Amino acid sequence: MASPDALINALTTLLVTLDPPGLAPVFLGLTVGMTTAQRRFVAFRGALIAFGILAVFALFGSSVLGLLGISIGAFRIAGGLLLFWISFEMVFEKRQERKEKTSQKAITIDHIHDIAVFPLALPLIAGPGAISATVLLSGTFTSALDRALLIGVLALIMVVLYATLLIAEKLDRFLGVTGRAILTRLLGVILAALSVQFVVDGIRSAFAIP
């Protein structure tokens, strides 16, 4: 059974990678002009679809890597580097800018009912960083019970994300530009440290270093 430290690490990694407070202003941009009920529907559907996507990777990600001949050590190194790049974007405010561009593009192309699928669920919530983090964590949650616990962590994160989107307008007003910048940078530094740990663990695993 997974240790409390492993569960806390999984919770922290996914929470920082998904960055609910950073997603709040993007969600507001996506749903501009919608009623409260419509926003609630989009938030629920987006979180549910993203949960399904990440749950599949949590259950079968390691198996897919095995079929492709990719060791979990190699994926930890690659995934850690990808998460480090995301943390770099967060610290230097590049990620928020990219998310906002994605949301603006979607508004002009997709119908309002599809926004929950694209770009909210994929790639804004279940993006490359979240998928990589989920597969990396699934490598340490190997038993059936551990995988169930990881799914539970994902469900908890999605509940937090959904609640954040519901209060997105109030949260965005409360944090303001300065608050969002400080929080995003702080989360970016935490994610950078976690990503480096993934790389270190990957090197140990790949080269059988105790």
N, C-alpha and C. Protein backbone atom coordinates (compact mmCIF):
# COMPACT_ATOMS: atom_id res chain seq x y z
N MET A 1 0.85 -1.21 0.00
CA MET A 1 0.00 0.00 0.00
C MET A 1 0.88 1.25 0.00
N ALA A 2 0.44 2.26 -0.75
CA ALA A 2 1.21 3.50 -0.87
C ALA A 2 1.33 4.18 0.49
N SER A 3 2.49 4.75 0.74
CA SER A 3 2.73 5.44 2.01
C SER A 3 2.06 6.81 1.99
N PRO A 4 1.83 7.38 3.19
CA PRO A 4 1.27 8.74 3.25
C PRO A 4 2.12 9.76 2.49
N ASP A 5 3.45 9.59 2.54
CA ASP A 5 4.34 10.51 1.82
C ASP A 5 4.11 10.43 0.32
N ALA A 6 3.90 9.20 -0.19
CA ALA A 6 3.65 9.02 -1.63
C ALA A 6 2.33 9.66 -2.04
N LEU A 7 1.32 9.54 -1.19
CA LEU A 7 0.02 10.15 -1.48
C LEU A 7 0.10 11.67 -1.45
N ILE A 8 0.83 12.20 -0.48
CA ILE A 8 1.01 13.65 -0.40
C ILE A 8 1.78 14.16 -1.61
N ASN A 9 2.81 13.41 -2.03
CA ASN A 9 3.58 13.79 -3.21
C ASN A 9 2.71 13.79 -4.46
N ALA A 10 1.85 12.75 -4.58
CA ALA A 10 0.95 12.68 -5.74
C ALA A 10 -0.04 13.84 -5.73
N LEU A 11 -0.60 14.12 -4.56
CA LEU A 11 -1.57 15.22 -4.43
C LEU A 11 -0.91 16.56 -4.78
N THR A 12 0.28 16.79 -4.26
CA THR A 12 0.99 18.05 -4.51
C THR A 12 1.36 18.19 -5.98
N THR A 13 1.90 17.11 -6.57
CA THR A 13 2.32 17.15 -7.97
C THR A 13 1.15 17.47 -8.90
N LEU A 14 0.04 16.77 -8.71
CA LEU A 14 -1.11 16.98 -9.59
C LEU A 14 -1.75 18.35 -9.35
N LEU A 15 -1.83 18.75 -8.09
CA LEU A 15 -2.44 20.05 -7.78
C LEU A 15 -1.64 21.19 -8.39
N VAL A 16 -0.32 21.11 -8.27
CA VAL A 16 0.54 22.17 -8.82
C VAL A 16 0.52 22.14 -10.35
N THR A 17 0.53 20.93 -10.93
CA THR A 17 0.53 20.81 -12.39
C THR A 17 -0.76 21.35 -13.00
N LEU A 18 -1.89 21.01 -12.39
CA LEU A 18 -3.18 21.46 -12.91
C LEU A 18 -3.41 22.95 -12.64
N ASP A 19 -2.90 23.46 -11.51
CA ASP A 19 -2.93 24.89 -11.19
C ASP A 19 -4.35 25.48 -11.30
N PRO A 20 -5.30 25.04 -10.45
CA PRO A 20 -6.68 25.56 -10.51
C PRO A 20 -6.78 27.08 -10.45
N PRO A 21 -6.05 27.79 -9.56
CA PRO A 21 -6.18 29.25 -9.54
C PRO A 21 -5.74 29.90 -10.86
N GLY A 22 -4.72 29.32 -11.50
CA GLY A 22 -4.25 29.86 -12.78
C GLY A 22 -5.23 29.60 -13.91
N LEU A 23 -6.05 28.55 -13.74
CA LEU A 23 -7.03 28.21 -14.77
C LEU A 23 -8.28 29.08 -14.67
N ALA A 24 -8.52 29.67 -13.49
CA ALA A 24 -9.75 30.44 -13.25
C ALA A 24 -9.94 31.58 -14.26
N PRO A 25 -8.95 32.47 -14.47
CA PRO A 25 -9.17 33.56 -15.44
C PRO A 25 -9.34 33.07 -16.87
N VAL A 26 -8.68 31.96 -17.22
CA VAL A 26 -8.84 31.39 -18.57
C VAL A 26 -10.26 30.86 -18.73
N PHE A 27 -10.78 30.23 -17.70
CA PHE A 27 -12.16 29.73 -17.72
C PHE A 27 -13.15 30.86 -17.90
N LEU A 28 -12.89 31.98 -17.23
CA LEU A 28 -13.76 33.15 -17.39
C LEU A 28 -13.74 33.65 -18.83
N GLY A 29 -12.56 33.63 -19.44
CA GLY A 29 -12.46 34.05 -20.83
C GLY A 29 -13.19 33.11 -21.77
N LEU A 30 -13.15 31.82 -21.47
CA LEU A 30 -13.83 30.82 -22.29
C LEU A 30 -15.34 30.95 -22.22
N THR A 31 -15.84 31.29 -21.04
CA THR A 31 -17.28 31.26 -20.80
C THR A 31 -17.90 32.66 -20.74
N VAL A 32 -17.24 33.65 -21.30
CA VAL A 32 -17.76 35.01 -21.27
C VAL A 32 -19.13 35.06 -21.95
N GLY A 33 -20.07 35.73 -21.31
CA GLY A 33 -21.42 35.84 -21.86
C GLY A 33 -22.35 34.71 -21.44
N MET A 34 -21.83 33.68 -20.78
CA MET A 34 -22.66 32.57 -20.35
C MET A 34 -23.36 32.88 -19.03
N THR A 35 -24.47 32.20 -18.80
CA THR A 35 -25.15 32.32 -17.52
C THR A 35 -24.42 31.46 -16.48
N THR A 36 -24.79 31.62 -15.22
CA THR A 36 -24.17 30.84 -14.14
C THR A 36 -24.41 29.35 -14.34
N ALA A 37 -25.61 28.98 -14.78
CA ALA A 37 -25.93 27.57 -15.01
C ALA A 37 -25.09 26.99 -16.15
N GLN A 38 -24.91 27.79 -17.21
CA GLN A 38 -24.10 27.33 -18.34
C GLN A 38 -22.64 27.15 -17.92
N ARG A 39 -22.13 28.09 -17.14
CA ARG A 39 -20.76 27.97 -16.66
C ARG A 39 -20.59 26.73 -15.78
N ARG A 40 -21.58 26.48 -14.93
CA ARG A 40 -21.53 25.32 -14.06
C ARG A 40 -21.50 24.03 -14.88
N PHE A 41 -22.29 24.00 -15.95
CA PHE A 41 -22.34 22.83 -16.82
C PHE A 41 -20.99 22.61 -17.52
N VAL A 42 -20.42 23.68 -18.05
CA VAL A 42 -19.14 23.59 -18.75
C VAL A 42 -18.04 23.14 -17.79
N ALA A 43 -18.03 23.70 -16.57
CA ALA A 43 -17.02 23.34 -15.57
C ALA A 43 -17.15 21.87 -15.17
N PHE A 44 -18.38 21.41 -14.94
CA PHE A 44 -18.58 20.01 -14.52
C PHE A 44 -18.20 19.05 -15.63
N ARG A 45 -18.64 19.34 -16.85
CA ARG A 45 -18.35 18.44 -17.97
C ARG A 45 -16.85 18.41 -18.26
N GLY A 46 -16.21 19.58 -18.22
CA GLY A 46 -14.78 19.64 -18.47
C GLY A 46 -13.98 18.87 -17.44
N ALA A 47 -14.33 19.04 -16.15
CA ALA A 47 -13.63 18.33 -15.08
C ALA A 47 -13.85 16.82 -15.17
N LEU A 48 -15.08 16.42 -15.53
CA LEU A 48 -15.41 15.00 -15.63
C LEU A 48 -14.64 14.34 -16.78
N ILE A 49 -14.60 15.00 -17.92
CA ILE A 49 -13.89 14.45 -19.07
C ILE A 49 -12.39 14.37 -18.79
N ALA A 50 -11.85 15.43 -18.19
CA ALA A 50 -10.42 15.44 -17.84
C ALA A 50 -10.10 14.32 -16.85
N PHE A 51 -10.99 14.10 -15.88
CA PHE A 51 -10.79 13.01 -14.92
C PHE A 51 -10.74 11.66 -15.63
N GLY A 52 -11.65 11.45 -16.59
CA GLY A 52 -11.66 10.20 -17.35
C GLY A 52 -10.37 9.99 -18.11
N ILE A 53 -9.87 11.05 -18.74
CA ILE A 53 -8.63 10.96 -19.52
C ILE A 53 -7.46 10.61 -18.60
N LEU A 54 -7.32 11.32 -17.49
CA LEU A 54 -6.20 11.08 -16.58
C LEU A 54 -6.32 9.73 -15.88
N ALA A 55 -7.55 9.29 -15.60
CA ALA A 55 -7.74 7.99 -14.96
C ALA A 55 -7.28 6.86 -15.88
N VAL A 56 -7.54 7.00 -17.18
CA VAL A 56 -7.08 5.99 -18.15
C VAL A 56 -5.55 5.92 -18.15
N PHE A 57 -4.90 7.07 -18.14
CA PHE A 57 -3.43 7.09 -18.10
C PHE A 57 -2.89 6.56 -16.77
N ALA A 58 -3.63 6.80 -15.68
CA ALA A 58 -3.21 6.28 -14.38
C ALA A 58 -3.27 4.76 -14.35
N LEU A 59 -4.27 4.19 -15.01
CA LEU A 59 -4.46 2.74 -15.00
C LEU A 59 -3.58 2.03 -16.03
N PHE A 60 -3.45 2.61 -17.22
CA PHE A 60 -2.80 1.89 -18.31
C PHE A 60 -1.55 2.56 -18.85
N GLY A 61 -1.15 3.71 -18.27
CA GLY A 61 0.01 4.42 -18.78
C GLY A 61 1.28 3.59 -18.75
N SER A 62 1.54 2.93 -17.62
CA SER A 62 2.75 2.12 -17.48
C SER A 62 2.73 0.93 -18.44
N SER A 63 1.54 0.33 -18.66
CA SER A 63 1.42 -0.80 -19.58
C SER A 63 1.72 -0.37 -21.01
N VAL A 64 1.23 0.80 -21.38
CA VAL A 64 1.49 1.32 -22.73
C VAL A 64 2.99 1.57 -22.92
N LEU A 65 3.62 2.11 -21.89
CA LEU A 65 5.08 2.33 -21.96
C LEU A 65 5.81 1.01 -22.15
N GLY A 66 5.34 -0.03 -21.44
CA GLY A 66 5.96 -1.35 -21.57
C GLY A 66 5.82 -1.90 -22.97
N LEU A 67 4.65 -1.73 -23.58
CA LEU A 67 4.43 -2.20 -24.95
C LEU A 67 5.33 -1.47 -25.95
N LEU A 68 5.61 -0.21 -25.66
CA LEU A 68 6.46 0.59 -26.54
C LEU A 68 7.95 0.37 -26.25
N GLY A 69 8.24 -0.39 -25.23
CA GLY A 69 9.63 -0.65 -24.89
C GLY A 69 10.30 0.50 -24.17
N ILE A 70 9.50 1.35 -23.52
CA ILE A 70 10.03 2.50 -22.78
C ILE A 70 10.05 2.17 -21.30
N SER A 71 11.20 2.26 -20.68
CA SER A 71 11.29 1.97 -19.25
C SER A 71 10.70 3.12 -18.45
N ILE A 72 10.23 2.81 -17.26
CA ILE A 72 9.66 3.85 -16.41
C ILE A 72 10.74 4.86 -16.01
N GLY A 73 12.00 4.38 -15.93
CA GLY A 73 13.10 5.30 -15.62
C GLY A 73 13.28 6.35 -16.70
N ALA A 74 13.25 5.89 -17.97
CA ALA A 74 13.39 6.82 -19.09
C ALA A 74 12.22 7.80 -19.14
N PHE A 75 11.02 7.30 -18.83
CA PHE A 75 9.86 8.19 -18.87
C PHE A 75 9.90 9.19 -17.73
N ARG A 76 10.43 8.76 -16.57
CA ARG A 76 10.56 9.69 -15.45
C ARG A 76 11.50 10.84 -15.82
N ILE A 77 12.58 10.51 -16.51
CA ILE A 77 13.53 11.56 -16.93
C ILE A 77 12.85 12.51 -17.92
N ALA A 78 12.20 11.94 -18.95
CA ALA A 78 11.54 12.76 -19.97
C ALA A 78 10.39 13.56 -19.37
N GLY A 79 9.57 12.90 -18.54
CA GLY A 79 8.45 13.59 -17.90
C GLY A 79 8.90 14.66 -16.94
N GLY A 80 9.98 14.38 -16.21
CA GLY A 80 10.53 15.38 -15.29
C GLY A 80 11.01 16.61 -16.01
N LEU A 81 11.66 16.40 -17.17
CA LEU A 81 12.13 17.53 -17.97
C LEU A 81 10.96 18.34 -18.52
N LEU A 82 9.89 17.65 -18.93
CA LEU A 82 8.70 18.35 -19.43
C LEU A 82 8.06 19.17 -18.32
N LEU A 83 7.93 18.57 -17.14
CA LEU A 83 7.35 19.30 -16.00
C LEU A 83 8.24 20.48 -15.60
N PHE A 84 9.56 20.31 -15.75
CA PHE A 84 10.47 21.42 -15.44
C PHE A 84 10.24 22.58 -16.41
N TRP A 85 10.00 22.26 -17.68
CA TRP A 85 9.72 23.31 -18.66
C TRP A 85 8.42 24.05 -18.32
N ILE A 86 7.41 23.28 -17.88
CA ILE A 86 6.15 23.91 -17.47
C ILE A 86 6.38 24.82 -16.27
N SER A 87 7.19 24.36 -15.31
CA SER A 87 7.49 25.20 -14.14
C SER A 87 8.23 26.46 -14.55
N PHE A 88 9.10 26.34 -15.55
CA PHE A 88 9.82 27.51 -16.09
C PHE A 88 8.82 28.51 -16.67
N GLU A 89 7.84 28.00 -17.42
CA GLU A 89 6.80 28.87 -17.99
C GLU A 89 5.99 29.55 -16.89
N MET A 90 5.71 28.81 -15.81
CA MET A 90 4.93 29.38 -14.71
C MET A 90 5.69 30.50 -14.01
N VAL A 91 6.97 30.27 -13.76
CA VAL A 91 7.78 31.27 -13.05
C VAL A 91 7.92 32.54 -13.88
N PHE A 92 8.06 32.38 -15.20
CA PHE A 92 8.27 33.54 -16.07
C PHE A 92 7.00 33.95 -16.82
N GLU A 93 5.83 33.49 -16.33
CA GLU A 93 4.51 33.91 -16.82
C GLU A 93 4.29 33.63 -18.30
N LYS A 94 4.83 32.54 -18.80
CA LYS A 94 4.61 32.17 -20.20
C LYS A 94 3.42 31.23 -20.34
N ARG A 95 3.18 30.41 -19.30
CA ARG A 95 2.12 29.41 -19.39
C ARG A 95 0.74 30.06 -19.44
N GLN A 96 0.52 31.08 -18.61
CA GLN A 96 -0.77 31.76 -18.59
C GLN A 96 -1.06 32.40 -19.94
N GLU A 97 -0.04 33.00 -20.53
CA GLU A 97 -0.19 33.64 -21.84
C GLU A 97 -0.57 32.61 -22.90
N ARG A 98 0.07 31.42 -22.85
CA ARG A 98 -0.23 30.37 -23.82
C ARG A 98 -1.65 29.84 -23.64
N LYS A 99 -2.08 29.67 -22.38
CA LYS A 99 -3.44 29.20 -22.11
C LYS A 99 -4.49 30.17 -22.63
N GLU A 100 -4.23 31.46 -22.43
CA GLU A 100 -5.18 32.47 -22.87
C GLU A 100 -5.28 32.50 -24.39
N LYS A 101 -4.16 32.31 -25.09
CA LYS A 101 -4.18 32.24 -26.56
C LYS A 101 -4.99 31.04 -27.03
N THR A 102 -4.83 29.90 -26.33
CA THR A 102 -5.58 28.69 -26.68
C THR A 102 -7.07 28.91 -26.50
N SER A 103 -7.46 29.54 -25.42
CA SER A 103 -8.88 29.78 -25.15
C SER A 103 -9.48 30.74 -26.16
N GLN A 104 -8.75 31.78 -26.55
CA GLN A 104 -9.24 32.75 -27.51
C GLN A 104 -9.45 32.11 -28.88
N LYS A 105 -8.54 31.22 -29.25
CA LYS A 105 -8.65 30.53 -30.53
C LYS A 105 -9.89 29.65 -30.56
N ALA A 106 -10.14 28.98 -29.42
CA ALA A 106 -11.27 28.06 -29.36
C ALA A 106 -12.61 28.77 -29.46
N ILE A 107 -12.72 29.96 -28.89
CA ILE A 107 -13.98 30.69 -28.88
C ILE A 107 -14.43 30.99 -30.31
N THR A 108 -13.50 31.27 -31.19
CA THR A 108 -13.84 31.63 -32.55
C THR A 108 -14.11 30.42 -33.43
N ILE A 109 -13.71 29.23 -33.00
CA ILE A 109 -13.83 28.04 -33.85
C ILE A 109 -14.93 27.10 -33.36
N ASP A 110 -14.95 26.81 -32.08
CA ASP A 110 -15.84 25.77 -31.55
C ASP A 110 -17.14 26.34 -31.00
N HIS A 111 -18.15 25.51 -31.06
CA HIS A 111 -19.45 25.87 -30.50
C HIS A 111 -19.38 25.83 -28.98
N ILE A 112 -20.28 26.56 -28.33
CA ILE A 112 -20.26 26.70 -26.88
C ILE A 112 -20.32 25.34 -26.15
N HIS A 113 -21.06 24.36 -26.73
CA HIS A 113 -21.20 23.07 -26.07
C HIS A 113 -19.94 22.22 -26.17
N ASP A 114 -19.05 22.56 -27.10
CA ASP A 114 -17.81 21.80 -27.25
C ASP A 114 -16.67 22.38 -26.42
N ILE A 115 -16.87 23.55 -25.84
CA ILE A 115 -15.80 24.20 -25.08
C ILE A 115 -15.36 23.34 -23.89
N ALA A 116 -16.31 22.61 -23.30
CA ALA A 116 -15.97 21.76 -22.16
C ALA A 116 -14.97 20.68 -22.55
N VAL A 117 -15.08 20.20 -23.81
CA VAL A 117 -14.17 19.17 -24.29
C VAL A 117 -12.86 19.80 -24.74
N PHE A 118 -12.96 20.73 -25.66
CA PHE A 118 -11.78 21.45 -26.16
C PHE A 118 -12.07 22.94 -26.16
N PRO A 119 -11.27 23.73 -25.49
CA PRO A 119 -9.97 23.39 -24.92
C PRO A 119 -9.95 23.16 -23.41
N LEU A 120 -11.13 23.13 -22.73
CA LEU A 120 -11.09 23.07 -21.26
C LEU A 120 -10.53 21.74 -20.76
N ALA A 121 -11.22 20.62 -21.11
CA ALA A 121 -10.75 19.32 -20.63
C ALA A 121 -9.39 18.97 -21.22
N LEU A 122 -9.28 19.17 -22.52
CA LEU A 122 -8.04 18.87 -23.24
C LEU A 122 -7.76 20.02 -24.20
N PRO A 123 -6.69 20.76 -24.07
CA PRO A 123 -5.50 20.47 -23.27
C PRO A 123 -5.33 21.31 -22.00
N LEU A 124 -6.31 22.16 -21.63
CA LEU A 124 -6.09 23.05 -20.50
C LEU A 124 -6.03 22.33 -19.16
N ILE A 125 -6.88 21.32 -18.95
CA ILE A 125 -6.83 20.56 -17.69
C ILE A 125 -5.95 19.33 -17.87
N ALA A 126 -6.36 18.41 -18.72
CA ALA A 126 -5.58 17.19 -18.98
C ALA A 126 -4.60 17.43 -20.12
N GLY A 127 -3.66 18.33 -19.88
CA GLY A 127 -2.65 18.65 -20.88
C GLY A 127 -1.45 17.72 -20.79
N PRO A 128 -0.41 17.97 -21.58
CA PRO A 128 0.78 17.12 -21.57
C PRO A 128 1.42 17.01 -20.19
N GLY A 129 1.46 18.12 -19.45
CA GLY A 129 2.06 18.10 -18.12
C GLY A 129 1.29 17.22 -17.16
N ALA A 130 -0.05 17.35 -17.14
CA ALA A 130 -0.88 16.55 -16.24
C ALA A 130 -0.82 15.08 -16.61
N ILE A 131 -0.83 14.78 -17.92
CA ILE A 131 -0.75 13.39 -18.37
C ILE A 131 0.60 12.78 -17.99
N SER A 132 1.67 13.53 -18.22
CA SER A 132 3.01 13.04 -17.87
C SER A 132 3.13 12.80 -16.37
N ALA A 133 2.63 13.74 -15.57
CA ALA A 133 2.68 13.59 -14.11
C ALA A 133 1.89 12.36 -13.67
N THR A 134 0.73 12.12 -14.28
CA THR A 134 -0.10 10.97 -13.92
C THR A 134 0.60 9.66 -14.24
N VAL A 135 1.21 9.57 -15.43
CA VAL A 135 1.92 8.35 -15.81
C VAL A 135 3.13 8.14 -14.90
N LEU A 136 3.84 9.22 -14.59
CA LEU A 136 4.98 9.12 -13.67
C LEU A 136 4.55 8.58 -12.31
N LEU A 137 3.45 9.11 -11.80
CA LEU A 137 2.96 8.68 -10.49
C LEU A 137 2.46 7.23 -10.53
N SER A 138 1.87 6.83 -11.66
CA SER A 138 1.37 5.45 -11.77
C SER A 138 2.50 4.44 -11.69
N GLY A 139 3.73 4.88 -12.04
CA GLY A 139 4.88 3.99 -11.94
C GLY A 139 5.26 3.67 -10.51
N THR A 140 4.85 4.52 -9.57
CA THR A 140 5.14 4.27 -8.16
C THR A 140 3.94 3.69 -7.42
N PHE A 141 2.76 3.74 -8.06
CA PHE A 141 1.55 3.14 -7.49
C PHE A 141 1.26 1.87 -8.29
N THR A 142 1.93 0.79 -7.94
CA THR A 142 1.93 -0.40 -8.80
C THR A 142 0.80 -1.39 -8.52
N SER A 143 0.41 -1.56 -7.27
CA SER A 143 -0.63 -2.54 -6.96
C SER A 143 -2.02 -2.00 -7.29
N ALA A 144 -3.01 -2.92 -7.31
CA ALA A 144 -4.39 -2.52 -7.61
C ALA A 144 -4.92 -1.52 -6.59
N LEU A 145 -4.58 -1.75 -5.31
CA LEU A 145 -5.03 -0.83 -4.27
C LEU A 145 -4.37 0.54 -4.43
N ASP A 146 -3.08 0.53 -4.76
CA ASP A 146 -2.37 1.80 -4.97
C ASP A 146 -2.97 2.58 -6.13
N ARG A 147 -3.28 1.87 -7.22
CA ARG A 147 -3.90 2.55 -8.38
C ARG A 147 -5.26 3.12 -8.00
N ALA A 148 -6.00 2.39 -7.17
CA ALA A 148 -7.30 2.90 -6.71
C ALA A 148 -7.11 4.18 -5.88
N LEU A 149 -6.07 4.20 -5.07
CA LEU A 149 -5.76 5.39 -4.28
C LEU A 149 -5.38 6.55 -5.18
N LEU A 150 -4.61 6.26 -6.26
CA LEU A 150 -4.23 7.31 -7.21
C LEU A 150 -5.46 7.87 -7.92
N ILE A 151 -6.40 6.99 -8.27
CA ILE A 151 -7.66 7.44 -8.89
C ILE A 151 -8.42 8.32 -7.90
N GLY A 152 -8.38 7.95 -6.62
CA GLY A 152 -9.03 8.75 -5.59
C GLY A 152 -8.41 10.13 -5.47
N VAL A 153 -7.07 10.19 -5.57
CA VAL A 153 -6.37 11.48 -5.54
C VAL A 153 -6.79 12.33 -6.74
N LEU A 154 -6.88 11.70 -7.91
CA LEU A 154 -7.32 12.41 -9.11
C LEU A 154 -8.74 12.96 -8.93
N ALA A 155 -9.61 12.14 -8.36
CA ALA A 155 -11.00 12.57 -8.13
C ALA A 155 -11.04 13.77 -7.18
N LEU A 156 -10.23 13.71 -6.12
CA LEU A 156 -10.18 14.82 -5.17
C LEU A 156 -9.69 16.10 -5.84
N ILE A 157 -8.66 15.97 -6.67
CA ILE A 157 -8.13 17.14 -7.39
C ILE A 157 -9.20 17.74 -8.30
N MET A 158 -9.98 16.87 -8.97
CA MET A 158 -11.01 17.36 -9.89
C MET A 158 -12.14 18.06 -9.14
N VAL A 159 -12.44 17.59 -7.93
CA VAL A 159 -13.45 18.26 -7.10
C VAL A 159 -12.96 19.66 -6.73
N VAL A 160 -11.69 19.75 -6.35
CA VAL A 160 -11.10 21.06 -6.02
C VAL A 160 -11.11 21.97 -7.25
N LEU A 161 -10.75 21.39 -8.40
CA LEU A 161 -10.73 22.17 -9.65
C LEU A 161 -12.12 22.67 -10.00
N TYR A 162 -13.11 21.78 -9.90
CA TYR A 162 -14.50 22.15 -10.20
C TYR A 162 -14.98 23.27 -9.28
N ALA A 163 -14.68 23.13 -7.99
CA ALA A 163 -15.08 24.17 -7.03
C ALA A 163 -14.40 25.50 -7.35
N THR A 164 -13.13 25.43 -7.76
CA THR A 164 -12.40 26.65 -8.12
C THR A 164 -13.02 27.33 -9.33
N LEU A 165 -13.43 26.54 -10.32
CA LEU A 165 -14.05 27.11 -11.52
C LEU A 165 -15.40 27.74 -11.19
N LEU A 166 -16.12 27.14 -10.23
CA LEU A 166 -17.42 27.69 -9.85
C LEU A 166 -17.28 29.08 -9.22
N ILE A 167 -16.18 29.28 -8.50
CA ILE A 167 -15.97 30.58 -7.86
C ILE A 167 -14.88 31.38 -8.59
N ALA A 168 -14.71 31.06 -9.89
CA ALA A 168 -13.63 31.67 -10.66
C ALA A 168 -13.69 33.19 -10.66
N GLU A 169 -14.88 33.74 -10.82
CA GLU A 169 -15.02 35.19 -10.90
C GLU A 169 -14.62 35.85 -9.58
N LYS A 170 -15.09 35.29 -8.47
CA LYS A 170 -14.74 35.84 -7.15
C LYS A 170 -13.25 35.66 -6.87
N LEU A 171 -12.71 34.48 -7.23
CA LEU A 171 -11.30 34.19 -6.98
C LEU A 171 -10.41 35.13 -7.79
N ASP A 172 -10.77 35.34 -9.05
CA ASP A 172 -9.97 36.21 -9.91
C ASP A 172 -9.98 37.65 -9.39
N ARG A 173 -11.15 38.08 -8.88
CA ARG A 173 -11.27 39.42 -8.33
C ARG A 173 -10.47 39.55 -7.04
N PHE A 174 -10.48 38.49 -6.23
CA PHE A 174 -9.79 38.50 -4.95
C PHE A 174 -8.26 38.51 -5.13
N LEU A 175 -7.77 37.65 -6.01
CA LEU A 175 -6.32 37.56 -6.22
C LEU A 175 -5.77 38.78 -6.95
N GLY A 176 -6.49 39.20 -8.00
CA GLY A 176 -5.99 40.30 -8.81
C GLY A 176 -4.77 39.88 -9.61
N VAL A 177 -4.24 40.79 -10.39
CA VAL A 177 -3.08 40.49 -11.24
C VAL A 177 -1.86 40.14 -10.39
N THR A 178 -1.62 40.92 -9.34
CA THR A 178 -0.45 40.70 -8.49
C THR A 178 -0.55 39.38 -7.74
N GLY A 179 -1.71 39.08 -7.18
CA GLY A 179 -1.90 37.83 -6.45
C GLY A 179 -1.72 36.61 -7.34
N ARG A 180 -2.27 36.67 -8.56
CA ARG A 180 -2.11 35.56 -9.49
C ARG A 180 -0.66 35.36 -9.86
N ALA A 181 0.06 36.45 -10.07
CA ALA A 181 1.48 36.36 -10.45
C ALA A 181 2.30 35.73 -9.34
N ILE A 182 2.05 36.16 -8.10
CA ILE A 182 2.79 35.60 -6.96
C ILE A 182 2.48 34.11 -6.79
N LEU A 183 1.19 33.74 -6.83
CA LEU A 183 0.79 32.35 -6.64
C LEU A 183 1.34 31.46 -7.74
N THR A 184 1.25 31.92 -8.98
CA THR A 184 1.75 31.12 -10.11
C THR A 184 3.24 30.89 -10.01
N ARG A 185 3.99 31.92 -9.64
CA ARG A 185 5.44 31.77 -9.50
C ARG A 185 5.79 30.82 -8.35
N LEU A 186 5.06 30.93 -7.26
CA LEU A 186 5.31 30.06 -6.11
C LEU A 186 5.06 28.60 -6.49
N LEU A 187 3.94 28.34 -7.16
CA LEU A 187 3.63 26.98 -7.60
C LEU A 187 4.66 26.50 -8.62
N GLY A 188 5.15 27.42 -9.45
CA GLY A 188 6.17 27.06 -10.44
C GLY A 188 7.46 26.59 -9.79
N VAL A 189 7.86 27.26 -8.72
CA VAL A 189 9.08 26.85 -8.00
C VAL A 189 8.90 25.47 -7.37
N ILE A 190 7.72 25.23 -6.79
CA ILE A 190 7.44 23.93 -6.19
C ILE A 190 7.46 22.83 -7.26
N LEU A 191 6.84 23.12 -8.43
CA LEU A 191 6.82 22.14 -9.51
C LEU A 191 8.23 21.88 -10.04
N ALA A 192 9.07 22.91 -10.07
CA ALA A 192 10.46 22.73 -10.52
C ALA A 192 11.19 21.74 -9.62
N ALA A 193 11.00 21.89 -8.31
CA ALA A 193 11.66 20.97 -7.36
C ALA A 193 11.14 19.55 -7.53
N LEU A 194 9.81 19.40 -7.71
CA LEU A 194 9.24 18.07 -7.91
C LEU A 194 9.74 17.44 -9.21
N SER A 195 9.86 18.24 -10.26
CA SER A 195 10.31 17.71 -11.56
C SER A 195 11.76 17.25 -11.49
N VAL A 196 12.59 18.00 -10.78
CA VAL A 196 13.99 17.59 -10.61
C VAL A 196 14.06 16.26 -9.86
N GLN A 197 13.19 16.08 -8.87
CA GLN A 197 13.16 14.82 -8.13
C GLN A 197 12.77 13.67 -9.05
N PHE A 198 11.82 13.91 -9.98
CA PHE A 198 11.45 12.88 -10.95
C PHE A 198 12.65 12.49 -11.81
N VAL A 199 13.43 13.48 -12.25
CA VAL A 199 14.61 13.21 -13.07
C VAL A 199 15.64 12.40 -12.28
N VAL A 200 15.87 12.79 -11.03
CA VAL A 200 16.83 12.06 -10.18
C VAL A 200 16.39 10.61 -9.99
N ASP A 201 15.09 10.41 -9.70
CA ASP A 201 14.57 9.05 -9.54
C ASP A 201 14.68 8.27 -10.84
N GLY A 202 14.45 8.95 -11.97
CA GLY A 202 14.56 8.29 -13.27
C GLY A 202 15.97 7.84 -13.57
N ILE A 203 16.95 8.67 -13.25
CA ILE A 203 18.36 8.31 -13.47
C ILE A 203 18.74 7.13 -12.59
N ARG A 204 18.30 7.16 -11.34
CA ARG A 204 18.57 6.03 -10.44
C ARG A 204 17.99 4.73 -10.97
N SER A 205 16.74 4.83 -11.45
CA SER A 205 16.06 3.63 -11.96
C SER A 205 16.70 3.13 -13.25
N ALA A 206 17.01 4.05 -14.16
CA ALA A 206 17.57 3.66 -15.47
C ALA A 206 18.95 3.04 -15.34
N PHE A 207 19.76 3.54 -14.41
CA PHE A 207 21.14 3.06 -14.26
C PHE A 207 21.33 2.19 -13.02
N ALA A 208 20.19 1.77 -12.40
CA ALA A 208 20.24 0.88 -11.25
C ALA A 208 21.13 1.41 -10.14
N ILE A 209 21.00 2.71 -9.86
CA ILE A 209 21.79 3.34 -8.80
C ILE A 209 20.99 3.26 -7.51
N PRO A 210 21.54 2.72 -6.44
CA PRO A 210 20.78 2.60 -5.18
C PRO A 210 20.53 3.95 -4.54
